[in-house]
Amino acid sequence: MTGLSRAQVTRLIRQYRQRGELVPARYRRHRFAGKYTFADVELLATVDEEGQT
């Protein structure tokens, strides 16, 4: 009903009992590190345009 697993609910209940409040955790998306910088992309685009003419 809440969309939370049993383990998550158990952790929240324990946190509430210990602290008297619930502190929501910020959602942090896991991302792969960027391989190319913006300057790299611009350079690749320039080289690609040069090769097509």
C-alpha atoms as a PDB file:
ATOM      1  CA  MET A   1       0.000   0.000   0.000  1.00  0.00           C
ATOM      2  CA  THR A   2       2.844   2.432   0.765  1.00  0.00           C
ATOM      3  CA  GLY A   3       5.113   1.260  -2.044  1.00  0.00           C
ATOM      4  CA  LEU A   4       7.844   0.524   0.489  1.00  0.00           C
ATOM      5  CA  SER A   5       9.334  -2.871   1.222  1.00  0.00           C
ATOM      6  CA  ARG A   6       8.949  -4.548   4.597  1.00  0.00           C
ATOM      7  CA  ALA A   7      12.623  -3.804   5.393  1.00  0.00           C
ATOM      8  CA  GLN A   8      12.182  -0.111   4.577  1.00  0.00           C
ATOM      9  CA  VAL A   9       9.119   0.177   6.806  1.00  0.00           C
ATOM     10  CA  THR A  10      11.002  -1.588   9.623  1.00  0.00           C
ATOM     11  CA  ARG A  11      13.902   0.873   9.284  1.00  0.00           C
ATOM     12  CA  LEU A  12      11.530   3.845   9.339  1.00  0.00           C
ATOM     13  CA  ILE A  13       9.774   2.556  12.473  1.00  0.00           C
ATOM     14  CA  ARG A  14      13.154   2.027  14.208  1.00  0.00           C
ATOM     15  CA  GLN A  15      14.267   5.528  13.195  1.00  0.00           C
ATOM     16  CA  TYR A  16      11.061   7.037  14.564  1.00  0.00           C
ATOM     17  CA  ARG A  17      11.412   5.179  17.864  1.00  0.00           C
ATOM     18  CA  GLN A  18      15.061   6.254  18.304  1.00  0.00           C
ATOM     19  CA  ARG A  19      14.822   9.887  17.198  1.00  0.00           C
ATOM     20  CA  GLY A  20      11.164  10.718  17.603  1.00  0.00           C
ATOM     21  CA  GLU A  21      11.038  11.958  14.030  1.00  0.00           C
ATOM     22  CA  LEU A  22      11.513  10.730  10.482  1.00  0.00           C
ATOM     23  CA  VAL A  23      14.174  12.365   8.371  1.00  0.00           C
ATOM     24  CA  PRO A  24      13.459  11.765   4.698  1.00  0.00           C
ATOM     25  CA  ALA A  25      16.467  10.692   2.641  1.00  0.00           C
ATOM     26  CA  ARG A  26      17.165  12.657  -0.508  1.00  0.00           C
ATOM     27  CA  TYR A  27      16.811  10.682  -3.705  1.00  0.00           C
ATOM     28  CA  ARG A  28      20.128  10.465  -5.508  1.00  0.00           C
ATOM     29  CA  ARG A  29      20.231   8.978  -8.956  1.00  0.00           C
ATOM     30  CA  HIS A  30      23.312   6.916  -9.738  1.00  0.00           C
ATOM     31  CA  ARG A  31      24.917   8.045 -12.978  1.00  0.00           C
ATOM     32  CA  PHE A  32      27.938   6.991 -14.938  1.00  0.00           C
ATOM     33  CA  ALA A  33      30.712   9.557 -15.096  1.00  0.00           C
ATOM     34  CA  GLY A  34      30.724  11.681 -18.241  1.00  0.00           C
ATOM     35  CA  LYS A  35      33.256  10.492 -20.763  1.00  0.00           C
ATOM     36  CA  TYR A  36      33.362  13.575 -22.948  1.00  0.00           C
ATOM     37  CA  THR A  37      33.318  17.231 -21.978  1.00  0.00           C
ATOM     38  CA  PHE A  38      31.269  19.829 -23.848  1.00  0.00           C
ATOM     39  CA  ALA A  39      34.471  21.020 -25.548  1.00  0.00           C
ATOM     40  CA  ASP A  40      35.178  17.460 -26.721  1.00  0.00           C
ATOM     41  CA  VAL A  41      31.713  17.188 -28.246  1.00  0.00           C
ATOM     42  CA  GLU A  42      32.134  20.506 -30.066  1.00  0.00           C
ATOM     43  CA  LEU A  43      35.498  19.388 -31.426  1.00  0.00           C
ATOM     44  CA  LEU A  44      34.059  16.069 -32.623  1.00  0.00           C
ATOM     45  CA  ALA A  45      31.174  17.895 -34.325  1.00  0.00           C
ATOM     46  CA  THR A  46      33.616  20.260 -36.056  1.00  0.00           C
ATOM     47  CA  VAL A  47      35.781  17.386 -37.285  1.00  0.00           C
ATOM     48  CA  ASP A  48      32.671  15.556 -38.512  1.00  0.00           C
ATOM     49  CA  GLU A  49      31.487  18.608 -40.453  1.00  0.00           C
ATOM     50  CA  GLU A  50      34.936  19.040 -42.017  1.00  0.00           C
ATOM     51  CA  GLY A  51      34.986  15.435 -43.150  1.00  0.00           C
ATOM     52  CA  GLN A  52      31.605  15.689 -44.905  1.00  0.00           C
ATOM     53  CA  THR A  53      32.571  18.512 -47.271  1.00  0.00           C
END
